Amino acid sequence: MGLDRGEVDVILLAREVGADWALIDERLGRRIAVAMGLPVKGTLGVLLVGYRLGLLSRQAASDAVDLLAQSSVRLSERLVTWFRGQLT
Protein backbone atom coordinates (compact mmCIF):
# COMPACT_ATOMS: atom_id res chain seq x y z
CA MET A 1 0.00 0.00 0.00
CA GLY A 2 3.00 2.32 0.27
CA LEU A 3 2.82 2.74 4.03
CA ASP A 4 5.80 2.33 6.28
CA ARG A 5 5.74 -0.18 9.13
CA GLY A 6 4.96 2.45 11.76
CA GLU A 7 1.89 3.69 9.93
CA VAL A 8 0.62 0.14 9.43
CA ASP A 9 1.09 -0.56 13.13
CA VAL A 10 -0.74 2.63 14.12
CA ILE A 11 -3.69 1.77 11.88
CA LEU A 12 -3.90 -1.83 13.09
CA LEU A 13 -3.62 -0.85 16.74
CA ALA A 14 -6.18 1.95 16.40
CA ARG A 15 -8.65 -0.52 14.89
CA GLU A 16 -7.92 -3.14 17.52
CA VAL A 17 -8.41 -0.88 20.53
CA GLY A 18 -11.06 1.42 19.07
CA ALA A 19 -8.85 4.46 19.54
CA ASP A 20 -10.31 7.94 19.64
CA TRP A 21 -7.74 8.91 16.97
CA ALA A 22 -5.00 7.39 14.91
CA LEU A 23 -2.01 9.73 15.12
CA ILE A 24 -0.69 9.92 11.57
CA ASP A 25 0.95 12.86 9.83
CA GLU A 26 1.77 11.44 6.41
CA ARG A 27 -0.87 12.14 3.76
CA LEU A 28 -1.12 8.59 2.38
CA GLY A 29 -1.38 7.05 5.84
CA ARG A 30 -4.11 9.52 6.78
CA ARG A 31 -6.08 8.78 3.62
CA ILE A 32 -5.92 5.04 4.17
CA ALA A 33 -6.86 5.32 7.85
CA VAL A 34 -9.85 7.54 7.02
CA ALA A 35 -10.89 5.14 4.25
CA MET A 36 -10.87 2.40 6.89
CA GLY A 37 -13.20 4.48 9.06
CA LEU A 38 -10.63 5.62 11.59
CA PRO A 39 -10.66 9.13 13.02
CA VAL A 40 -7.27 10.73 12.41
CA LYS A 41 -5.28 13.54 13.98
CA GLY A 42 -1.83 14.75 13.15
CA THR A 43 0.79 16.11 15.51
CA LEU A 44 -0.48 19.67 15.18
CA GLY A 45 -4.03 18.48 15.82
CA VAL A 46 -2.95 16.84 19.06
CA LEU A 47 -1.13 20.01 20.12
CA LEU A 48 -4.26 22.01 19.36
CA VAL A 49 -6.43 19.69 21.43
CA GLY A 50 -3.94 20.01 24.29
CA TYR A 51 -4.14 23.80 24.03
CA ARG A 52 -7.94 23.85 23.88
CA LEU A 53 -8.18 21.58 26.91
CA GLY A 54 -5.86 23.84 28.85
CA LEU A 55 -3.06 21.29 29.00
CA LEU A 56 -0.73 23.56 27.02
CA SER A 57 -0.42 27.32 27.09
CA ARG A 58 -0.51 29.27 23.83
CA GLN A 59 3.22 29.84 24.20
CA ALA A 60 3.98 26.16 24.86
CA ALA A 61 1.95 25.09 21.81
CA SER A 62 3.65 27.70 19.64
CA ASP A 63 7.09 26.72 20.95
CA ALA A 64 6.35 23.05 20.19
CA VAL A 65 5.58 23.95 16.57
CA ASP A 66 8.78 25.98 16.37
CA LEU A 67 10.77 22.98 17.61
CA LEU A 68 9.07 20.70 15.10
CA ALA A 69 9.79 23.14 12.28
CA GLN A 70 13.48 23.19 13.26
CA SER A 71 13.67 19.38 13.31
CA SER A 72 13.51 16.88 10.47
CA VAL A 73 9.69 17.01 10.58
CA ARG A 74 8.30 18.64 7.45
CA LEU A 75 5.57 21.19 8.10
CA SER A 76 3.98 23.26 5.39
CA GLU A 77 3.95 26.99 6.00
CA ARG A 78 0.21 26.96 5.26
CA LEU A 79 -0.39 24.40 8.02
CA VAL A 80 1.76 26.28 10.53
CA THR A 81 -0.09 29.52 9.70
CA TRP A 82 -3.43 27.75 10.17
CA PHE A 83 -2.27 26.31 13.49
CA ARG A 84 -1.13 29.65 14.85
CA GLY A 85 -4.46 31.15 13.82
CA GLN A 86 -6.23 28.53 15.96
CA LEU A 87 -4.36 29.61 19.09
CA THR A 88 -6.84 32.31 20.06
PDB file of N, CA and C in Angstrom:
ATOM      1  N   MET A   1       0.813  -1.202   0.000  1.00  0.00           N
ATOM      2  CA  MET A   1       0.000   0.000   0.000  1.00  0.00           C
ATOM      3  C   MET A   1       0.853   1.261   0.000  1.00  0.00           C
ATOM      4  N   GLY A   2       2.136   1.153   0.234  1.00  0.00           N
ATOM      5  CA  GLY A   2       2.996   2.316   0.265  1.00  0.00           C
ATOM      6  C   GLY A   2       3.187   2.914   1.645  1.00  0.00           C
ATOM      7  N   LEU A   3       2.663   2.249   2.669  1.00  0.00           N
ATOM      8  CA  LEU A   3       2.821   2.741   4.035  1.00  0.00           C
ATOM      9  C   LEU A   3       4.076   2.157   4.649  1.00  0.00           C
ATOM     10  N   ASP A   4       4.673   2.916   5.568  1.00  0.00           N
ATOM     11  CA  ASP A   4       5.800   2.325   6.284  1.00  0.00           C
ATOM     12  C   ASP A   4       5.272   1.501   7.457  1.00  0.00           C
ATOM     13  N   ARG A   5       6.142   0.750   8.064  1.00  0.00           N
ATOM     14  CA  ARG A   5       5.735  -0.183   9.125  1.00  0.00           C
ATOM     15  C   ARG A   5       5.047   0.538  10.292  1.00  0.00           C
ATOM     16  N   GLY A   6       5.553   1.704  10.651  1.00  0.00           N
ATOM     17  CA  GLY A   6       4.963   2.445  11.761  1.00  0.00           C
ATOM     18  C   GLY A   6       3.523   2.849  11.493  1.00  0.00           C
ATOM     19  N   GLU A   7       3.251   3.299  10.279  1.00  0.00           N
ATOM     20  CA  GLU A   7       1.886   3.688   9.930  1.00  0.00           C
ATOM     21  C   GLU A   7       0.949   2.490   9.935  1.00  0.00           C
ATOM     22  N   VAL A   8       1.425   1.365   9.413  1.00  0.00           N
ATOM     23  CA  VAL A   8       0.618   0.140   9.426  1.00  0.00           C
ATOM     24  C   VAL A   8       0.301  -0.248  10.863  1.00  0.00           C
ATOM     25  N   ASP A   9       1.303  -0.203  11.726  1.00  0.00           N
ATOM     26  CA  ASP A   9       1.090  -0.563  13.133  1.00  0.00           C
ATOM     27  C   ASP A   9       0.091   0.374  13.806  1.00  0.00           C
ATOM     28  N   VAL A  10       0.194   1.665  13.529  1.00  0.00           N
ATOM     29  CA  VAL A  10      -0.744   2.633  14.120  1.00  0.00           C
ATOM     30  C   VAL A  10      -2.165   2.312  13.678  1.00  0.00           C
ATOM     31  N   ILE A  11      -2.356   2.067  12.401  1.00  0.00           N
ATOM     32  CA  ILE A  11      -3.688   1.772  11.875  1.00  0.00           C
ATOM     33  C   ILE A  11      -4.244   0.487  12.483  1.00  0.00           C
ATOM     34  N   LEU A  12      -3.430  -0.552  12.526  1.00  0.00           N
ATOM     35  CA  LEU A  12      -3.897  -1.826  13.086  1.00  0.00           C
ATOM     36  C   LEU A  12      -4.225  -1.697  14.574  1.00  0.00           C
ATOM     37  N   LEU A  13      -3.374  -1.021  15.314  1.00  0.00           N
ATOM     38  CA  LEU A  13      -3.623  -0.854  16.743  1.00  0.00           C
ATOM     39  C   LEU A  13      -4.857   0.016  16.992  1.00  0.00           C
ATOM     40  N   ALA A  14      -5.009   1.080  16.241  1.00  0.00           N
ATOM     41  CA  ALA A  14      -6.180   1.951  16.403  1.00  0.00           C
ATOM     42  C   ALA A  14      -7.468   1.176  16.155  1.00  0.00           C
ATOM     43  N   ARG A  15      -7.459   0.311  15.156  1.00  0.00           N
ATOM     44  CA  ARG A  15      -8.645  -0.517  14.886  1.00  0.00           C
ATOM     45  C   ARG A  15      -8.884  -1.510  16.016  1.00  0.00           C
ATOM     46  N   GLU A  16      -7.809  -2.105  16.483  1.00  0.00           N
ATOM     47  CA  GLU A  16      -7.920  -3.140  17.519  1.00  0.00           C
ATOM     48  C   GLU A  16      -8.474  -2.589  18.827  1.00  0.00           C
ATOM     49  N   VAL A  17      -8.008  -1.417  19.229  1.00  0.00           N
ATOM     50  CA  VAL A  17      -8.412  -0.883  20.533  1.00  0.00           C
ATOM     51  C   VAL A  17      -9.553   0.122  20.441  1.00  0.00           C
ATOM     52  N   GLY A  18      -9.996   0.434  19.229  1.00  0.00           N
ATOM     53  CA  GLY A  18     -11.061   1.422  19.074  1.00  0.00           C
ATOM     54  C   GLY A  18     -10.619   2.806  19.526  1.00  0.00           C
ATOM     55  N   ALA A  19      -9.442   3.199  19.104  1.00  0.00           N
ATOM     56  CA  ALA A  19      -8.846   4.460  19.538  1.00  0.00           C
ATOM     57  C   ALA A  19      -9.703   5.656  19.145  1.00  0.00           C
ATOM     58  N   ASP A  20      -9.627   6.693  19.967  1.00  0.00           N
ATOM     59  CA  ASP A  20     -10.306   7.945  19.635  1.00  0.00           C
ATOM     60  C   ASP A  20      -9.744   8.541  18.361  1.00  0.00           C
ATOM     61  N   TRP A  21      -8.418   8.412  18.167  1.00  0.00           N
ATOM     62  CA  TRP A  21      -7.743   8.913  16.971  1.00  0.00           C
ATOM     63  C   TRP A  21      -6.579   7.993  16.638  1.00  0.00           C
ATOM     64  N   ALA A  22      -6.273   7.962  15.363  1.00  0.00           N
ATOM     65  CA  ALA A  22      -5.003   7.391  14.914  1.00  0.00           C
ATOM     66  C   ALA A  22      -4.093   8.593  14.659  1.00  0.00           C
ATOM     67  N   LEU A  23      -2.947   8.617  15.277  1.00  0.00           N
ATOM     68  CA  LEU A  23      -2.013   9.734  15.123  1.00  0.00           C
ATOM     69  C   LEU A  23      -1.114   9.455  13.925  1.00  0.00           C
ATOM     70  N   ILE A  24      -1.428  10.119  12.812  1.00  0.00           N
ATOM     71  CA  ILE A  24      -0.688   9.918  11.569  1.00  0.00           C
ATOM     72  C   ILE A  24      -0.527  11.278  10.897  1.00  0.00           C
ATOM     73  N   ASP A  25       0.686  11.593  10.500  1.00  0.00           N
ATOM     74  CA  ASP A  25       0.950  12.861   9.828  1.00  0.00           C
ATOM     75  C   ASP A  25       1.062  12.725   8.309  1.00  0.00           C
ATOM     76  N   GLU A  26       1.556  11.606   7.845  1.00  0.00           N
ATOM     77  CA  GLU A  26       1.767  11.437   6.410  1.00  0.00           C
ATOM     78  C   GLU A  26       0.441  11.348   5.665  1.00  0.00           C
ATOM     79  N   ARG A  27       0.364  12.033   4.528  1.00  0.00           N
ATOM     80  CA  ARG A  27      -0.871  12.140   3.761  1.00  0.00           C
ATOM     81  C   ARG A  27      -1.449  10.782   3.354  1.00  0.00           C
ATOM     82  N   LEU A  28      -0.620   9.900   2.821  1.00  0.00           N
ATOM     83  CA  LEU A  28      -1.124   8.594   2.381  1.00  0.00           C
ATOM     84  C   LEU A  28      -1.660   7.787   3.557  1.00  0.00           C
ATOM     85  N   GLY A  29      -0.927   7.778   4.654  1.00  0.00           N
ATOM     86  CA  GLY A  29      -1.383   7.054   5.840  1.00  0.00           C
ATOM     87  C   GLY A  29      -2.703   7.587   6.360  1.00  0.00           C
ATOM     88  N   ARG A  30      -2.859   8.907   6.336  1.00  0.00           N
ATOM     89  CA  ARG A  30      -4.113   9.523   6.777  1.00  0.00           C
ATOM     90  C   ARG A  30      -5.260   9.105   5.872  1.00  0.00           C
ATOM     91  N   ARG A  31      -5.022   9.154   4.574  1.00  0.00           N
ATOM     92  CA  ARG A  31      -6.077   8.777   3.618  1.00  0.00           C
ATOM     93  C   ARG A  31      -6.526   7.332   3.814  1.00  0.00           C
ATOM     94  N   ILE A  32      -5.577   6.455   4.001  1.00  0.00           N
ATOM     95  CA  ILE A  32      -5.918   5.041   4.173  1.00  0.00           C
ATOM     96  C   ILE A  32      -6.660   4.838   5.497  1.00  0.00           C
ATOM     97  N   ALA A  33      -6.190   5.460   6.558  1.00  0.00           N
ATOM     98  CA  ALA A  33      -6.862   5.321   7.851  1.00  0.00           C
ATOM     99  C   ALA A  33      -8.298   5.839   7.776  1.00  0.00           C
ATOM    100  N   VAL A  34      -8.496   6.977   7.153  1.00  0.00           N
ATOM    101  CA  VAL A  34      -9.845   7.538   7.016  1.00  0.00           C
ATOM    102  C   VAL A  34     -10.711   6.612   6.171  1.00  0.00           C
ATOM    103  N   ALA A  35     -10.142   6.073   5.097  1.00  0.00           N
ATOM    104  CA  ALA A  35     -10.889   5.143   4.250  1.00  0.00           C
ATOM    105  C   ALA A  35     -11.309   3.895   5.022  1.00  0.00           C
ATOM    106  N   MET A  36     -10.547   3.559   6.052  1.00  0.00           N
ATOM    107  CA  MET A  36     -10.867   2.404   6.885  1.00  0.00           C
ATOM    108  C   MET A  36     -11.808   2.783   8.035  1.00  0.00           C
ATOM    109  N   GLY A  37     -12.247   4.032   8.047  1.00  0.00           N
ATOM    110  CA  GLY A  37     -13.201   4.476   9.057  1.00  0.00           C
ATOM    111  C   GLY A  37     -12.593   4.936  10.361  1.00  0.00           C
ATOM    112  N   LEU A  38     -11.296   5.178  10.364  1.00  0.00           N
ATOM    113  CA  LEU A  38     -10.630   5.618  11.592  1.00  0.00           C
ATOM    114  C   LEU A  38     -10.590   7.138  11.671  1.00  0.00           C
ATOM    115  N   PRO A  39     -10.869   7.698  12.840  1.00  0.00           N
ATOM    116  CA  PRO A  39     -10.658   9.133  13.020  1.00  0.00           C
ATOM    117  C   PRO A  39      -9.154   9.392  13.115  1.00  0.00           C
ATOM    118  N   VAL A  40      -8.701  10.462  12.510  1.00  0.00           N
ATOM    119  CA  VAL A  40      -7.267  10.730  12.413  1.00  0.00           C
ATOM    120  C   VAL A  40      -6.956  12.128  12.929  1.00  0.00           C
ATOM    121  N   LYS A  41      -5.850  12.247  13.609  1.00  0.00           N
ATOM    122  CA  LYS A  41      -5.281  13.541  13.980  1.00  0.00           C
ATOM    123  C   LYS A  41      -3.796  13.475  13.667  1.00  0.00           C
ATOM    124  N   GLY A  42      -3.260  14.619  13.331  1.00  0.00           N
ATOM    125  CA  GLY A  42      -1.827  14.754  13.153  1.00  0.00           C
ATOM    126  C   GLY A  42      -1.212  15.367  14.396  1.00  0.00           C
ATOM    127  N   THR A  43       0.077  15.548  14.361  1.00  0.00           N
ATOM    128  CA  THR A  43       0.786  16.111  15.505  1.00  0.00           C
ATOM    129  C   THR A  43       0.251  17.488  15.876  1.00  0.00           C
ATOM    130  N   LEU A  44       0.033  18.340  14.881  1.00  0.00           N
ATOM    131  CA  LEU A  44      -0.484  19.674  15.183  1.00  0.00           C
ATOM    132  C   LEU A  44      -1.897  19.608  15.740  1.00  0.00           C
ATOM    133  N   GLY A  45      -2.679  18.662  15.279  1.00  0.00           N
ATOM    134  CA  GLY A  45      -4.027  18.481  15.816  1.00  0.00           C
ATOM    135  C   GLY A  45      -4.001  18.087  17.279  1.00  0.00           C
ATOM    136  N   VAL A  46      -3.079  17.247  17.656  1.00  0.00           N
ATOM    137  CA  VAL A  46      -2.953  16.842  19.063  1.00  0.00           C
ATOM    138  C   VAL A  46      -2.496  18.031  19.907  1.00  0.00           C
ATOM    139  N   LEU A  47      -1.551  18.809  19.394  1.00  0.00           N
ATOM    140  CA  LEU A  47      -1.127  20.013  20.122  1.00  0.00           C
ATOM    141  C   LEU A  47      -2.299  20.979  20.293  1.00  0.00           C
ATOM    142  N   LEU A  48      -3.108  21.109  19.276  1.00  0.00           N
ATOM    143  CA  LEU A  48      -4.257  22.014  19.355  1.00  0.00           C
ATOM    144  C   LEU A  48      -5.275  21.525  20.387  1.00  0.00           C
ATOM    145  N   VAL A  49      -5.520  20.236  20.417  1.00  0.00           N
ATOM    146  CA  VAL A  49      -6.429  19.686  21.431  1.00  0.00           C
ATOM    147  C   VAL A  49      -5.862  19.951  22.826  1.00  0.00           C
ATOM    148  N   GLY A  50      -4.575  19.738  22.998  1.00  0.00           N
ATOM    149  CA  GLY A  50      -3.944  20.006  24.295  1.00  0.00           C
ATOM    150  C   GLY A  50      -4.102  21.459  24.705  1.00  0.00           C
ATOM    151  N   TYR A  51      -3.951  22.368  23.750  1.00  0.00           N
ATOM    152  CA  TYR A  51      -4.140  23.800  24.033  1.00  0.00           C
ATOM    153  C   TYR A  51      -5.587  24.087  24.410  1.00  0.00           C
ATOM    154  N   ARG A  52      -6.518  23.575  23.621  1.00  0.00           N
ATOM    155  CA  ARG A  52      -7.938  23.851  23.876  1.00  0.00           C
ATOM    156  C   ARG A  52      -8.432  23.250  25.187  1.00  0.00           C
ATOM    157  N   LEU A  53      -7.808  22.179  25.624  1.00  0.00           N
ATOM    158  CA  LEU A  53      -8.179  21.577  26.909  1.00  0.00           C
ATOM    159  C   LEU A  53      -7.456  22.230  28.088  1.00  0.00           C
ATOM    160  N   GLY A  54      -6.594  23.172  27.798  1.00  0.00           N
ATOM    161  CA  GLY A  54      -5.857  23.845  28.854  1.00  0.00           C
ATOM    162  C   GLY A  54      -4.646  23.082  29.344  1.00  0.00           C
ATOM    163  N   LEU A  55      -4.231  22.070  28.615  1.00  0.00           N
ATOM    164  CA  LEU A  55      -3.061  21.292  29.003  1.00  0.00           C
ATOM    165  C   LEU A  55      -1.766  21.949  28.540  1.00  0.00           C
ATOM    166  N   LEU A  56      -1.870  22.806  27.533  1.00  0.00           N
ATOM    167  CA  LEU A  56      -0.732  23.563  27.020  1.00  0.00           C
ATOM    168  C   LEU A  56      -1.108  25.030  26.960  1.00  0.00           C
ATOM    169  N   SER A  57      -0.191  25.892  27.294  1.00  0.00           N
ATOM    170  CA  SER A  57      -0.421  27.321  27.094  1.00  0.00           C
ATOM    171  C   SER A  57      -0.248  27.643  25.614  1.00  0.00           C
ATOM    172  N   ARG A  58      -0.706  28.827  25.222  1.00  0.00           N
ATOM    173  CA  ARG A  58      -0.512  29.267  23.835  1.00  0.00           C
ATOM    174  C   ARG A  58       0.969  29.273  23.508  1.00  0.00           C
ATOM    175  N   GLN A  59       1.775  29.762  24.433  1.00  0.00           N
ATOM    176  CA  GLN A  59       3.222  29.841  24.203  1.00  0.00           C
ATOM    177  C   GLN A  59       3.840  28.447  24.064  1.00  0.00           C
ATOM    178  N   ALA A  60       3.431  27.523  24.923  1.00  0.00           N
ATOM    179  CA  ALA A  60       3.983  26.163  24.857  1.00  0.00           C
ATOM    180  C   ALA A  60       3.614  25.495  23.537  1.00  0.00           C
ATOM    181  N   ALA A  61       2.370  25.676  23.083  1.00  0.00           N
ATOM    182  CA  ALA A  61       1.950  25.090  21.809  1.00  0.00           C
ATOM    183  C   ALA A  61       2.730  25.707  20.650  1.00  0.00           C
ATOM    184  N   SER A  62       2.896  27.011  20.685  1.00  0.00           N
ATOM    185  CA  SER A  62       3.648  27.703  19.643  1.00  0.00           C
ATOM    186  C   SER A  62       5.119  27.279  19.648  1.00  0.00           C
ATOM    187  N   ASP A  63       5.696  27.167  20.829  1.00  0.00           N
ATOM    188  CA  ASP A  63       7.092  26.719  20.954  1.00  0.00           C
ATOM    189  C   ASP A  63       7.265  25.298  20.421  1.00  0.00           C
ATOM    190  N   ALA A  64       6.277  24.432  20.679  1.00  0.00           N
ATOM    191  CA  ALA A  64       6.354  23.053  20.186  1.00  0.00           C
ATOM    192  C   ALA A  64       6.379  23.029  18.664  1.00  0.00           C
ATOM    193  N   VAL A  65       5.580  23.881  18.033  1.00  0.00           N
ATOM    194  CA  VAL A  65       5.577  23.948  16.570  1.00  0.00           C
ATOM    195  C   VAL A  65       6.914  24.477  16.066  1.00  0.00           C
ATOM    196  N   ASP A  66       7.465  25.465  16.756  1.00  0.00           N
ATOM    197  CA  ASP A  66       8.784  25.982  16.369  1.00  0.00           C
ATOM    198  C   ASP A  66       9.837  24.882  16.428  1.00  0.00           C
ATOM    199  N   LEU A  67       9.809  24.086  17.489  1.00  0.00           N
ATOM    200  CA  LEU A  67      10.770  22.979  17.614  1.00  0.00           C
ATOM    201  C   LEU A  67      10.582  21.952  16.501  1.00  0.00           C
ATOM    202  N   LEU A  68       9.324  21.631  16.193  1.00  0.00           N
ATOM    203  CA  LEU A  68       9.066  20.696  15.101  1.00  0.00           C
ATOM    204  C   LEU A  68       9.596  21.238  13.779  1.00  0.00           C
ATOM    205  N   ALA A  69       9.364  22.524  13.535  1.00  0.00           N
ATOM    206  CA  ALA A  69       9.794  23.139  12.275  1.00  0.00           C
ATOM    207  C   ALA A  69      11.314  23.141  12.148  1.00  0.00           C
ATOM    208  N   GLN A  70      12.018  23.186  13.277  1.00  0.00           N
ATOM    209  CA  GLN A  70      13.485  23.189  13.261  1.00  0.00           C
ATOM    210  C   GLN A  70      14.065  21.777  13.206  1.00  0.00           C
ATOM    211  N   SER A  71      13.209  20.771  13.330  1.00  0.00           N
ATOM    212  CA  SER A  71      13.666  19.379  13.314  1.00  0.00           C
ATOM    213  C   SER A  71      13.542  18.829  11.893  1.00  0.00           C
ATOM    214  N   SER A  72      13.635  17.530  11.784  1.00  0.00           N
ATOM    215  CA  SER A  72      13.510  16.885  10.474  1.00  0.00           C
ATOM    216  C   SER A  72      12.048  16.707  10.055  1.00  0.00           C
ATOM    217  N   VAL A  73      11.110  17.104  10.915  1.00  0.00           N
ATOM    218  CA  VAL A  73       9.691  17.008  10.583  1.00  0.00           C
ATOM    219  C   VAL A  73       9.363  18.083   9.553  1.00  0.00           C
ATOM    220  N   ARG A  74       8.685  17.670   8.491  1.00  0.00           N
ATOM    221  CA  ARG A  74       8.303  18.637   7.453  1.00  0.00           C
ATOM    222  C   ARG A  74       6.920  19.191   7.765  1.00  0.00           C
ATOM    223  N   LEU A  75       6.841  20.500   7.869  1.00  0.00           N
ATOM    224  CA  LEU A  75       5.569  21.187   8.101  1.00  0.00           C
ATOM    225  C   LEU A  75       5.386  22.228   7.009  1.00  0.00           C
ATOM    226  N   SER A  76       4.229  22.223   6.390  1.00  0.00           N
ATOM    227  CA  SER A  76       3.981  23.255   5.386  1.00  0.00           C
ATOM    228  C   SER A  76       3.737  24.587   6.083  1.00  0.00           C
ATOM    229  N   GLU A  77       4.155  25.658   5.445  1.00  0.00           N
ATOM    230  CA  GLU A  77       3.945  26.986   6.003  1.00  0.00           C
ATOM    231  C   GLU A  77       2.448  27.269   6.145  1.00  0.00           C
ATOM    232  N   ARG A  78       1.653  26.784   5.204  1.00  0.00           N
ATOM    233  CA  ARG A  78       0.206  26.959   5.259  1.00  0.00           C
ATOM    234  C   ARG A  78      -0.366  26.313   6.508  1.00  0.00           C
ATOM    235  N   LEU A  79       0.091  25.104   6.836  1.00  0.00           N
ATOM    236  CA  LEU A  79      -0.393  24.398   8.016  1.00  0.00           C
ATOM    237  C   LEU A  79       0.036  25.099   9.306  1.00  0.00           C
ATOM    238  N   VAL A  80       1.262  25.569   9.346  1.00  0.00           N
ATOM    239  CA  VAL A  80       1.755  26.284  10.530  1.00  0.00           C
ATOM    240  C   VAL A  80       0.963  27.582  10.719  1.00  0.00           C
ATOM    241  N   THR A  81       0.698  28.295   9.626  1.00  0.00           N
ATOM    242  CA  THR A  81      -0.093  29.524   9.705  1.00  0.00           C
ATOM    243  C   THR A  81      -1.497  29.222  10.218  1.00  0.00           C
ATOM    244  N   TRP A  82      -2.106  28.157   9.699  1.00  0.00           N
ATOM    245  CA  TRP A  82      -3.434  27.753  10.172  1.00  0.00           C
ATOM    246  C   TRP A  82      -3.400  27.449  11.680  1.00  0.00           C
ATOM    247  N   PHE A  83      -2.403  26.691  12.090  1.00  0.00           N
ATOM    248  CA  PHE A  83      -2.265  26.305  13.492  1.00  0.00           C
ATOM    249  C   PHE A  83      -2.177  27.534  14.384  1.00  0.00           C
ATOM    250  N   ARG A  84      -1.307  28.442  14.029  1.00  0.00           N
ATOM    251  CA  ARG A  84      -1.131  29.649  14.851  1.00  0.00           C
ATOM    252  C   ARG A  84      -2.426  30.458  14.913  1.00  0.00           C
ATOM    253  N   GLY A  85      -3.179  30.457  13.831  1.00  0.00           N
ATOM    254  CA  GLY A  85      -4.460  31.148  13.824  1.00  0.00           C
ATOM    255  C   GLY A  85      -5.486  30.513  14.760  1.00  0.00           C
ATOM    256  N   GLN A  86      -5.336  29.233  15.049  1.00  0.00           N
ATOM    257  CA  GLN A  86      -6.233  28.531  15.959  1.00  0.00           C
ATOM    258  C   GLN A  86      -5.931  28.803  17.421  1.00  0.00           C
ATOM    259  N   LEU A  87      -4.776  29.335  17.704  1.00  0.00           N
ATOM    260  CA  LEU A  87      -4.365  29.606  19.088  1.00  0.00           C
ATOM    261  C   LEU A  87      -4.908  30.953  19.536  1.00  0.00           C
ATOM    262  N   THR A  88      -6.212  31.033  19.675  1.00  0.00           N
ATOM    263  CA  THR A  88      -6.841  32.307  20.061  1.00  0.00           C
ATOM    264  C   THR A  88      -7.472  32.196  21.425  1.00  0.00           C
TER     265      THR A  88
END
